[in-house]
Amino acid sequence: QVQLVESGGGLVQPGGSLRLSCVASGNISEIYTMAWYRRAPEKAREFVAAVSPGGRSQVDNSVKGRFTISRDNAKKSMFLQMNNLEPEDTAVYYCNADLRDIWQRRFEYWGQGTQVTVSL
């Protein structure tokens, strides 16, 4: 069984910062691309950022210059540094991982999500 567990969400004022973490565990053989998505109330889930095993990253234009994605392959973890947060960033943030399990089956897994609220 594979689990992705997000942490680091919370309530922050506009202009503040948060650092989200995602830790993968379980019967994992190899993790390929990892990514962050978010879902605001009454909106569809949207792409935020992704990072390859080699550390190459891409971010959505809506967060470019404010968010930075990274990963630690040894710790099977991924991070999202969120700076200059705006109320529009309020959403549940989800960790996604494209991975191969120990039985050599390839799947995309999702975490349970962590709430980020940007408000006065």
C-alpha atoms as a PDB file:
ATOM      1  CA  GLN A   1       0.000   0.000   0.000  1.00  0.00           C
ATOM      2  CA  VAL A   2       1.183   3.502  -0.854  1.00  0.00           C
ATOM      3  CA  GLN A   3       0.388   6.654   1.062  1.00  0.00           C
ATOM      4  CA  LEU A   4       1.013  10.304   0.288  1.00  0.00           C
ATOM      5  CA  VAL A   5       0.671  12.538   3.327  1.00  0.00           C
ATOM      6  CA  GLU A   6       0.594  16.311   3.035  1.00  0.00           C
ATOM      7  CA  SER A   7       1.337  18.717   5.856  1.00  0.00           C
ATOM      8  CA  GLY A   8       2.075  22.377   6.412  1.00  0.00           C
ATOM      9  CA  GLY A   9      -1.244  23.932   5.561  1.00  0.00           C
ATOM     10  CA  GLY A  10      -2.948  26.449   7.765  1.00  0.00           C
ATOM     11  CA  LEU A  11      -4.263  29.967   8.121  1.00  0.00           C
ATOM     12  CA  VAL A  12      -2.014  32.791   6.980  1.00  0.00           C
ATOM     13  CA  GLN A  13      -2.481  36.487   6.265  1.00  0.00           C
ATOM     14  CA  PRO A  14      -2.097  37.897   2.762  1.00  0.00           C
ATOM     15  CA  GLY A  15       1.567  38.343   1.959  1.00  0.00           C
ATOM     16  CA  GLY A  16       2.569  35.552   4.296  1.00  0.00           C
ATOM     17  CA  SER A  17       4.326  32.287   3.579  1.00  0.00           C
ATOM     18  CA  LEU A  18       3.749  28.589   4.069  1.00  0.00           C
ATOM     19  CA  ARG A  19       5.795  25.513   3.257  1.00  0.00           C
ATOM     20  CA  LEU A  20       3.857  22.416   2.292  1.00  0.00           C
ATOM     21  CA  SER A  21       5.343  18.948   2.534  1.00  0.00           C
ATOM     22  CA  CYS A  22       4.359  15.656   0.985  1.00  0.00           C
ATOM     23  CA  VAL A  23       5.886  12.395   2.164  1.00  0.00           C
ATOM     24  CA  ALA A  24       5.395   9.161   0.269  1.00  0.00           C
ATOM     25  CA  SER A  25       5.559   5.828   2.042  1.00  0.00           C
ATOM     26  CA  GLY A  26       4.683   2.205   1.508  1.00  0.00           C
ATOM     27  CA  ASN A  27       5.515  -0.342  -1.134  1.00  0.00           C
ATOM     28  CA  ILE A  28       7.276   2.025  -3.508  1.00  0.00           C
ATOM     29  CA  SER A  29       9.881   1.039  -6.043  1.00  0.00           C
ATOM     30  CA  GLU A  30      10.339   4.286  -7.954  1.00  0.00           C
ATOM     31  CA  ILE A  31       8.760   7.730  -7.911  1.00  0.00           C
ATOM     32  CA  TYR A  32       8.622   9.630 -11.168  1.00  0.00           C
ATOM     33  CA  THR A  33       6.998  13.047 -11.487  1.00  0.00           C
ATOM     34  CA  MET A  34       5.539  14.569  -8.335  1.00  0.00           C
ATOM     35  CA  ALA A  35       3.140  17.473  -8.451  1.00  0.00           C
ATOM     36  CA  TRP A  36       0.926  19.782  -6.457  1.00  0.00           C
ATOM     37  CA  TYR A  37      -2.675  20.479  -7.375  1.00  0.00           C
ATOM     38  CA  ARG A  38      -5.259  22.566  -5.590  1.00  0.00           C
ATOM     39  CA  ARG A  39      -9.015  22.808  -5.399  1.00  0.00           C
ATOM     40  CA  ALA A  40     -10.849  25.899  -4.253  1.00  0.00           C
ATOM     41  CA  PRO A  41     -14.486  25.721  -3.121  1.00  0.00           C
ATOM     42  CA  GLU A  42     -16.883  25.381  -6.043  1.00  0.00           C
ATOM     43  CA  LYS A  43     -13.981  25.125  -8.477  1.00  0.00           C
ATOM     44  CA  ALA A  44     -12.292  22.287 -10.307  1.00  0.00           C
ATOM     45  CA  ARG A  45      -8.952  20.906  -9.268  1.00  0.00           C
ATOM     46  CA  GLU A  46      -6.129  22.770 -10.977  1.00  0.00           C
ATOM     47  CA  PHE A  47      -2.441  22.225 -11.561  1.00  0.00           C
ATOM     48  CA  VAL A  48       0.004  24.186  -9.422  1.00  0.00           C
ATOM     49  CA  ALA A  49       3.507  22.801  -9.932  1.00  0.00           C
ATOM     50  CA  ALA A  50       5.422  19.654 -10.823  1.00  0.00           C
ATOM     51  CA  VAL A  51       8.959  18.382 -10.342  1.00  0.00           C
ATOM     52  CA  SER A  52      10.855  15.568 -12.064  1.00  0.00           C
ATOM     53  CA  PRO A  53      13.132  13.049 -10.299  1.00  0.00           C
ATOM     54  CA  GLY A  54      16.095  15.125 -11.450  1.00  0.00           C
ATOM     55  CA  GLY A  55      14.681  18.270  -9.895  1.00  0.00           C
ATOM     56  CA  ARG A  56      13.455  20.022 -13.012  1.00  0.00           C
ATOM     57  CA  SER A  57      10.313  21.929 -12.198  1.00  0.00           C
ATOM     58  CA  GLN A  58       7.458  23.802 -13.750  1.00  0.00           C
ATOM     59  CA  VAL A  59       4.880  26.012 -12.112  1.00  0.00           C
ATOM     60  CA  ASP A  60       1.592  27.395 -13.242  1.00  0.00           C
ATOM     61  CA  ASN A  61       1.622  31.006 -14.350  1.00  0.00           C
ATOM     62  CA  SER A  62      -0.745  31.901 -11.536  1.00  0.00           C
ATOM     63  CA  VAL A  63       1.958  31.134  -8.951  1.00  0.00           C
ATOM     64  CA  LYS A  64       5.117  31.795 -10.962  1.00  0.00           C
ATOM     65  CA  GLY A  65       7.550  33.903  -8.976  1.00  0.00           C
ATOM     66  CA  ARG A  66       5.771  33.160  -5.708  1.00  0.00           C
ATOM     67  CA  PHE A  67       5.825  29.360  -5.330  1.00  0.00           C
ATOM     68  CA  THR A  68       8.811  27.043  -5.582  1.00  0.00           C
ATOM     69  CA  ILE A  69       8.566  23.269  -5.858  1.00  0.00           C
ATOM     70  CA  SER A  70      11.341  20.877  -4.842  1.00  0.00           C
ATOM     71  CA  ARG A  71      11.867  17.268  -3.795  1.00  0.00           C
ATOM     72  CA  ASP A  72      14.144  15.011  -1.793  1.00  0.00           C
ATOM     73  CA  ASN A  73      14.353  11.638  -3.493  1.00  0.00           C
ATOM     74  CA  ALA A  74      16.121   9.968  -0.578  1.00  0.00           C
ATOM     75  CA  LYS A  75      13.286  10.951   1.753  1.00  0.00           C
ATOM     76  CA  LYS A  76      10.570  10.350  -0.854  1.00  0.00           C
ATOM     77  CA  SER A  77       9.305  13.827  -0.183  1.00  0.00           C
ATOM     78  CA  MET A  78       8.228  16.917  -2.045  1.00  0.00           C
ATOM     79  CA  PHE A  79       7.833  20.500  -0.920  1.00  0.00           C
ATOM     80  CA  LEU A  80       6.036  23.633  -2.006  1.00  0.00           C
ATOM     81  CA  GLN A  81       7.394  26.917  -0.713  1.00  0.00           C
ATOM     82  CA  MET A  82       4.566  29.414  -0.952  1.00  0.00           C
ATOM     83  CA  ASN A  83       5.487  33.087  -0.603  1.00  0.00           C
ATOM     84  CA  ASN A  84       3.474  36.274  -0.949  1.00  0.00           C
ATOM     85  CA  LEU A  85       0.255  34.350  -0.525  1.00  0.00           C
ATOM     86  CA  GLU A  86      -2.955  35.850  -1.823  1.00  0.00           C
ATOM     87  CA  PRO A  87      -6.587  35.178  -0.879  1.00  0.00           C
ATOM     88  CA  GLU A  88      -6.982  33.560  -4.292  1.00  0.00           C
ATOM     89  CA  ASP A  89      -4.527  30.876  -3.175  1.00  0.00           C
ATOM     90  CA  THR A  90      -7.053  29.599  -0.632  1.00  0.00           C
ATOM     91  CA  ALA A  91      -7.712  25.970  -1.486  1.00  0.00           C
ATOM     92  CA  VAL A  92      -7.105  22.398  -0.491  1.00  0.00           C
ATOM     93  CA  TYR A  93      -3.680  21.457  -1.810  1.00  0.00           C
ATOM     94  CA  TYR A  94      -3.124  17.891  -2.964  1.00  0.00           C
ATOM     95  CA  CYS A  95       0.059  15.924  -3.479  1.00  0.00           C
ATOM     96  CA  ASN A  96       0.261  13.763  -6.589  1.00  0.00           C
ATOM     97  CA  ALA A  97       2.893  11.187  -7.453  1.00  0.00           C
ATOM     98  CA  ASP A  98       3.446   9.104 -10.549  1.00  0.00           C
ATOM     99  CA  LEU A  99       5.138   5.995  -9.189  1.00  0.00           C
ATOM    100  CA  ARG A 100       5.882   2.327  -9.572  1.00  0.00           C
ATOM    101  CA  ASP A 101       5.182   0.018  -6.654  1.00  0.00           C
ATOM    102  CA  ILE A 102       7.243  -2.988  -5.599  1.00  0.00           C
ATOM    103  CA  TRP A 103       5.138  -5.215  -7.823  1.00  0.00           C
ATOM    104  CA  GLN A 104       6.183  -3.016 -10.757  1.00  0.00           C
ATOM    105  CA  ARG A 105       2.728  -1.568 -11.228  1.00  0.00           C
ATOM    106  CA  ARG A 106       2.633   2.086 -12.222  1.00  0.00           C
ATOM    107  CA  PHE A 107      -0.032   4.376 -10.796  1.00  0.00           C
ATOM    108  CA  GLU A 108      -0.747   7.961  -9.924  1.00  0.00           C
ATOM    109  CA  TYR A 109      -1.450   8.402  -6.214  1.00  0.00           C
ATOM    110  CA  TRP A 110      -3.075  11.280  -4.383  1.00  0.00           C
ATOM    111  CA  GLY A 111      -2.763  12.557  -0.855  1.00  0.00           C
ATOM    112  CA  GLN A 112      -5.709  13.515   1.310  1.00  0.00           C
ATOM    113  CA  GLY A 113      -5.050  17.220   0.929  1.00  0.00           C
ATOM    114  CA  THR A 114      -4.059  20.020   3.269  1.00  0.00           C
ATOM    115  CA  GLN A 115      -6.071  23.203   3.706  1.00  0.00           C
ATOM    116  CA  VAL A 116      -4.468  26.546   2.945  1.00  0.00           C
ATOM    117  CA  THR A 117      -6.479  29.601   3.938  1.00  0.00           C
ATOM    118  CA  VAL A 118      -5.225  33.093   3.148  1.00  0.00           C
ATOM    119  CA  SER A 119      -7.329  35.649   4.959  1.00  0.00           C
ATOM    120  CA  LEU A 120      -7.231  38.643   7.240  1.00  0.00           C
END
